[in-house]
Amino acid sequence: MPRKREPEKKKPAFKHEAYIEGSGSVVDEKITDTLKKNYMPYAMSVTASSLHTGSCSI
């Protein structure tokens, strides 16, 4: 006997004109630029912090 079809789930309707306060804007940007701007300063601060505290595990 064939299985019963599952009822289709309704997708929520999104408002295209939605506004979220303080959310900023979406801007196209190269991933390499994003990494240089966001990740590299973080990675360097973590490295400097671990060297400063002497927790290097080499």
PDB file of N, CA and C in Angstrom:
ATOM      1  N   MET A   1       0.849  -1.173   0.000  1.00  0.00           N
ATOM      2  CA  MET A   1       0.000   0.000   0.000  1.00  0.00           C
ATOM      3  C   MET A   1       0.903   1.248   0.000  1.00  0.00           C
ATOM      4  N   PRO A   2       0.663   2.206  -0.883  1.00  0.00           N
ATOM      5  CA  PRO A   2       1.495   3.409  -0.943  1.00  0.00           C
ATOM      6  C   PRO A   2       1.302   4.279   0.308  1.00  0.00           C
ATOM      7  N   ARG A   3       2.364   5.005   0.624  1.00  0.00           N
ATOM      8  CA  ARG A   3       2.308   5.903   1.775  1.00  0.00           C
ATOM      9  C   ARG A   3       1.435   7.109   1.476  1.00  0.00           C
ATOM     10  N   LYS A   4       0.876   7.652   2.539  1.00  0.00           N
ATOM     11  CA  LYS A   4       0.078   8.874   2.390  1.00  0.00           C
ATOM     12  C   LYS A   4       1.018  10.058   2.214  1.00  0.00           C
ATOM     13  N   ARG A   5       0.603  10.992   1.427  1.00  0.00           N
ATOM     14  CA  ARG A   5       1.401  12.204   1.254  1.00  0.00           C
ATOM     15  C   ARG A   5       1.303  13.067   2.499  1.00  0.00           C
ATOM     16  N   GLU A   6       2.445  13.642   2.874  1.00  0.00           N
ATOM     17  CA  GLU A   6       2.441  14.556   4.009  1.00  0.00           C
ATOM     18  C   GLU A   6       1.866  15.888   3.535  1.00  0.00           C
ATOM     19  N   PRO A   7       1.097  16.557   4.379  1.00  0.00           N
ATOM     20  CA  PRO A   7       0.547  17.855   3.966  1.00  0.00           C
ATOM     21  C   PRO A   7       1.673  18.865   3.753  1.00  0.00           C
ATOM     22  N   GLU A   8       1.515  19.701   2.749  1.00  0.00           N
ATOM     23  CA  GLU A   8       2.534  20.705   2.456  1.00  0.00           C
ATOM     24  C   GLU A   8       2.575  21.740   3.565  1.00  0.00           C
ATOM     25  N   LYS A   9       3.795  22.079   3.978  1.00  0.00           N
ATOM     26  CA  LYS A   9       3.956  23.090   5.016  1.00  0.00           C
ATOM     27  C   LYS A   9       3.895  24.459   4.370  1.00  0.00           C
ATOM     28  N   LYS A  10       3.130  25.345   4.977  1.00  0.00           N
ATOM     29  CA  LYS A  10       3.034  26.703   4.445  1.00  0.00           C
ATOM     30  C   LYS A  10       4.254  27.497   4.864  1.00  0.00           C
ATOM     31  N   LYS A  11       4.805  28.206   3.925  1.00  0.00           N
ATOM     32  CA  LYS A  11       5.955  29.054   4.211  1.00  0.00           C
ATOM     33  C   LYS A  11       5.456  30.385   4.754  1.00  0.00           C
ATOM     34  N   PRO A  12       6.143  30.945   5.742  1.00  0.00           N
ATOM     35  CA  PRO A  12       5.702  32.232   6.280  1.00  0.00           C
ATOM     36  C   PRO A  12       5.893  33.346   5.250  1.00  0.00           C
ATOM     37  N   ALA A  13       4.975  34.266   5.247  1.00  0.00           N
ATOM     38  CA  ALA A  13       5.063  35.409   4.329  1.00  0.00           C
ATOM     39  C   ALA A  13       5.983  36.451   4.951  1.00  0.00           C
ATOM     40  N   PHE A  14       6.981  36.892   4.212  1.00  0.00           N
ATOM     41  CA  PHE A  14       7.910  37.884   4.720  1.00  0.00           C
ATOM     42  C   PHE A  14       7.546  39.255   4.165  1.00  0.00           C
ATOM     43  N   LYS A  15       7.721  40.248   4.999  1.00  0.00           N
ATOM     44  CA  LYS A  15       7.503  41.626   4.567  1.00  0.00           C
ATOM     45  C   LYS A  15       8.821  42.156   4.023  1.00  0.00           C
ATOM     46  N   HIS A  16       8.819  42.602   2.816  1.00  0.00           N
ATOM     47  CA  HIS A  16      10.037  43.104   2.192  1.00  0.00           C
ATOM     48  C   HIS A  16      10.394  44.498   2.686  1.00  0.00           C
ATOM     49  N   GLU A  17       9.447  45.184   3.254  1.00  0.00           N
ATOM     50  CA  GLU A  17       9.672  46.540   3.727  1.00  0.00           C
ATOM     51  C   GLU A  17       9.945  46.571   5.229  1.00  0.00           C
ATOM     52  N   ALA A  18      10.398  45.468   5.810  1.00  0.00           N
ATOM     53  CA  ALA A  18      10.623  45.391   7.248  1.00  0.00           C
ATOM     54  C   ALA A  18      11.789  46.284   7.659  1.00  0.00           C
ATOM     55  N   TYR A  19      11.723  46.814   8.857  1.00  0.00           N
ATOM     56  CA  TYR A  19      12.783  47.663   9.393  1.00  0.00           C
ATOM     57  C   TYR A  19      13.164  47.148  10.777  1.00  0.00           C
ATOM     58  N   ILE A  20      14.439  46.909  10.989  1.00  0.00           N
ATOM     59  CA  ILE A  20      14.940  46.489  12.285  1.00  0.00           C
ATOM     60  C   ILE A  20      15.902  47.566  12.756  1.00  0.00           C
ATOM     61  N   GLU A  21      15.569  48.207  13.853  1.00  0.00           N
ATOM     62  CA  GLU A  21      16.360  49.319  14.355  1.00  0.00           C
ATOM     63  C   GLU A  21      17.776  48.870  14.718  1.00  0.00           C
ATOM     64  N   GLY A  22      18.765  49.594  14.240  1.00  0.00           N
ATOM     65  CA  GLY A  22      20.154  49.304  14.556  1.00  0.00           C
ATOM     66  C   GLY A  22      20.743  48.116  13.805  1.00  0.00           C
ATOM     67  N   SER A  23      20.056  47.634  12.776  1.00  0.00           N
ATOM     68  CA  SER A  23      20.533  46.447  12.074  1.00  0.00           C
ATOM     69  C   SER A  23      21.582  46.747  11.011  1.00  0.00           C
ATOM     70  N   GLY A  24      21.712  47.975  10.590  1.00  0.00           N
ATOM     71  CA  GLY A  24      22.675  48.306   9.553  1.00  0.00           C
ATOM     72  C   GLY A  24      22.114  48.028   8.179  1.00  0.00           C
ATOM     73  N   SER A  25      23.001  47.817   7.220  1.00  0.00           N
ATOM     74  CA  SER A  25      22.555  47.551   5.862  1.00  0.00           C
ATOM     75  C   SER A  25      23.388  46.419   5.271  1.00  0.00           C
ATOM     76  N   VAL A  26      22.871  45.817   4.226  1.00  0.00           N
ATOM     77  CA  VAL A  26      23.564  44.726   3.550  1.00  0.00           C
ATOM     78  C   VAL A  26      24.344  45.320   2.386  1.00  0.00           C
ATOM     79  N   VAL A  27      25.648  45.037   2.367  1.00  0.00           N
ATOM     80  CA  VAL A  27      26.521  45.590   1.344  1.00  0.00           C
ATOM     81  C   VAL A  27      27.311  44.439   0.726  1.00  0.00           C
ATOM     82  N   ASP A  28      27.378  44.408  -0.598  1.00  0.00           N
ATOM     83  CA  ASP A  28      28.204  43.405  -1.265  1.00  0.00           C
ATOM     84  C   ASP A  28      29.670  43.731  -1.019  1.00  0.00           C
ATOM     85  N   GLU A  29      30.433  42.712  -0.615  1.00  0.00           N
ATOM     86  CA  GLU A  29      31.844  42.917  -0.288  1.00  0.00           C
ATOM     87  C   GLU A  29      32.595  41.619  -0.551  1.00  0.00           C
ATOM     88  N   LYS A  30      33.823  41.724  -1.017  1.00  0.00           N
ATOM     89  CA  LYS A  30      34.638  40.532  -1.248  1.00  0.00           C
ATOM     90  C   LYS A  30      34.920  39.859   0.086  1.00  0.00           C
ATOM     91  N   ILE A  31      34.926  38.525   0.096  1.00  0.00           N
ATOM     92  CA  ILE A  31      35.156  37.785   1.333  1.00  0.00           C
ATOM     93  C   ILE A  31      36.552  38.051   1.883  1.00  0.00           C
ATOM     94  N   THR A  32      37.516  38.260   1.024  1.00  0.00           N
ATOM     95  CA  THR A  32      38.874  38.529   1.501  1.00  0.00           C
ATOM     96  C   THR A  32      38.934  39.859   2.246  1.00  0.00           C
ATOM     97  N   ASP A  33      38.201  40.856   1.758  1.00  0.00           N
ATOM     98  CA  ASP A  33      38.160  42.145   2.440  1.00  0.00           C
ATOM     99  C   ASP A  33      37.484  42.010   3.802  1.00  0.00           C
ATOM    100  N   THR A  34      36.430  41.217   3.859  1.00  0.00           N
ATOM    101  CA  THR A  34      35.717  41.002   5.112  1.00  0.00           C
ATOM    102  C   THR A  34      36.615  40.321   6.132  1.00  0.00           C
ATOM    103  N   LEU A  35      37.366  39.313   5.690  1.00  0.00           N
ATOM    104  CA  LEU A  35      38.264  38.615   6.603  1.00  0.00           C
ATOM    105  C   LEU A  35      39.369  39.532   7.109  1.00  0.00           C
ATOM    106  N   LYS A  36      39.936  40.324   6.226  1.00  0.00           N
ATOM    107  CA  LYS A  36      40.996  41.243   6.650  1.00  0.00           C
ATOM    108  C   LYS A  36      40.478  42.247   7.662  1.00  0.00           C
ATOM    109  N   LYS A  37      39.273  42.724   7.433  1.00  0.00           N
ATOM    110  CA  LYS A  37      38.714  43.762   8.293  1.00  0.00           C
ATOM    111  C   LYS A  37      38.240  43.212   9.638  1.00  0.00           C
ATOM    112  N   ASN A  38      37.679  42.008   9.665  1.00  0.00           N
ATOM    113  CA  ASN A  38      37.065  41.491  10.879  1.00  0.00           C
ATOM    114  C   ASN A  38      37.884  40.413  11.583  1.00  0.00           C
ATOM    115  N   TYR A  39      38.349  39.419  10.859  1.00  0.00           N
ATOM    116  CA  TYR A  39      38.992  38.273  11.499  1.00  0.00           C
ATOM    117  C   TYR A  39      40.435  38.542  11.894  1.00  0.00           C
ATOM    118  N   MET A  40      41.191  39.164  11.032  1.00  0.00           N
ATOM    119  CA  MET A  40      42.613  39.339  11.300  1.00  0.00           C
ATOM    120  C   MET A  40      42.881  40.147  12.577  1.00  0.00           C
ATOM    121  N   PRO A  41      42.198  41.264  12.819  1.00  0.00           N
ATOM    122  CA  PRO A  41      42.439  41.961  14.094  1.00  0.00           C
ATOM    123  C   PRO A  41      42.083  41.098  15.303  1.00  0.00           C
ATOM    124  N   TYR A  42      41.023  40.316  15.192  1.00  0.00           N
ATOM    125  CA  TYR A  42      40.631  39.411  16.279  1.00  0.00           C
ATOM    126  C   TYR A  42      41.715  38.358  16.505  1.00  0.00           C
ATOM    127  N   ALA A  43      42.178  37.727  15.442  1.00  0.00           N
ATOM    128  CA  ALA A  43      43.190  36.681  15.564  1.00  0.00           C
ATOM    129  C   ALA A  43      44.473  37.241  16.168  1.00  0.00           C
ATOM    130  N   MET A  44      44.865  38.421  15.750  1.00  0.00           N
ATOM    131  CA  MET A  44      46.083  39.028  16.289  1.00  0.00           C
ATOM    132  C   MET A  44      45.920  39.369  17.761  1.00  0.00           C
ATOM    133  N   SER A  45      44.750  39.831  18.172  1.00  0.00           N
ATOM    134  CA  SER A  45      44.547  40.167  19.583  1.00  0.00           C
ATOM    135  C   SER A  45      44.565  38.910  20.448  1.00  0.00           C
ATOM    136  N   VAL A  46      44.019  37.806  19.947  1.00  0.00           N
ATOM    137  CA  VAL A  46      44.049  36.546  20.682  1.00  0.00           C
ATOM    138  C   VAL A  46      45.479  36.041  20.797  1.00  0.00           C
ATOM    139  N   THR A  47      46.240  36.127  19.717  1.00  0.00           N
ATOM    140  CA  THR A  47      47.635  35.696  19.727  1.00  0.00           C
ATOM    141  C   THR A  47      48.448  36.541  20.699  1.00  0.00           C
ATOM    142  N   ALA A  48      48.277  37.847  20.634  1.00  0.00           N
ATOM    143  CA  ALA A  48      49.018  38.746  21.527  1.00  0.00           C
ATOM    144  C   ALA A  48      48.625  38.506  22.977  1.00  0.00           C
ATOM    145  N   SER A  49      47.354  38.260  23.211  1.00  0.00           N
ATOM    146  CA  SER A  49      46.874  38.008  24.570  1.00  0.00           C
ATOM    147  C   SER A  49      47.472  36.728  25.126  1.00  0.00           C
ATOM    148  N   SER A  50      47.512  35.667  24.302  1.00  0.00           N
ATOM    149  CA  SER A  50      48.056  34.398  24.794  1.00  0.00           C
ATOM    150  C   SER A  50      49.557  34.494  25.018  1.00  0.00           C
ATOM    151  N   LEU A  51      50.254  35.256  24.189  1.00  0.00           N
ATOM    152  CA  LEU A  51      51.702  35.437  24.397  1.00  0.00           C
ATOM    153  C   LEU A  51      51.975  36.266  25.633  1.00  0.00           C
ATOM    154  N   HIS A  52      51.113  37.226  25.883  1.00  0.00           N
ATOM    155  CA  HIS A  52      51.272  38.103  27.041  1.00  0.00           C
ATOM    156  C   HIS A  52      51.081  37.340  28.342  1.00  0.00           C
ATOM    157  N   THR A  53      50.135  36.413  28.358  1.00  0.00           N
ATOM    158  CA  THR A  53      49.851  35.654  29.578  1.00  0.00           C
ATOM    159  C   THR A  53      50.744  34.435  29.727  1.00  0.00           C
ATOM    160  N   GLY A  54      51.511  34.091  28.695  1.00  0.00           N
ATOM    161  CA  GLY A  54      52.420  32.960  28.775  1.00  0.00           C
ATOM    162  C   GLY A  54      51.722  31.627  28.641  1.00  0.00           C
ATOM    163  N   SER A  55      50.572  31.609  27.985  1.00  0.00           N
ATOM    164  CA  SER A  55      49.829  30.359  27.844  1.00  0.00           C
ATOM    165  C   SER A  55      50.084  29.678  26.514  1.00  0.00           C
ATOM    166  N   CYS A  56      51.211  29.905  25.930  1.00  0.00           N
ATOM    167  CA  CYS A  56      51.549  29.283  24.652  1.00  0.00           C
ATOM    168  C   CYS A  56      51.874  27.814  24.894  1.00  0.00           C
ATOM    169  N   SER A  57      51.302  26.921  24.102  1.00  0.00           N
ATOM    170  CA  SER A  57      51.477  25.485  24.339  1.00  0.00           C
ATOM    171  C   SER A  57      52.368  24.836  23.281  1.00  0.00           C
ATOM    172  N   ILE A  58      53.484  25.472  22.972  1.00  0.00           N
ATOM    173  CA  ILE A  58      54.398  24.907  21.978  1.00  0.00           C
ATOM    174  C   ILE A  58      55.389  24.004  22.676  1.00  0.00           C
TER     175      ILE A  58
END
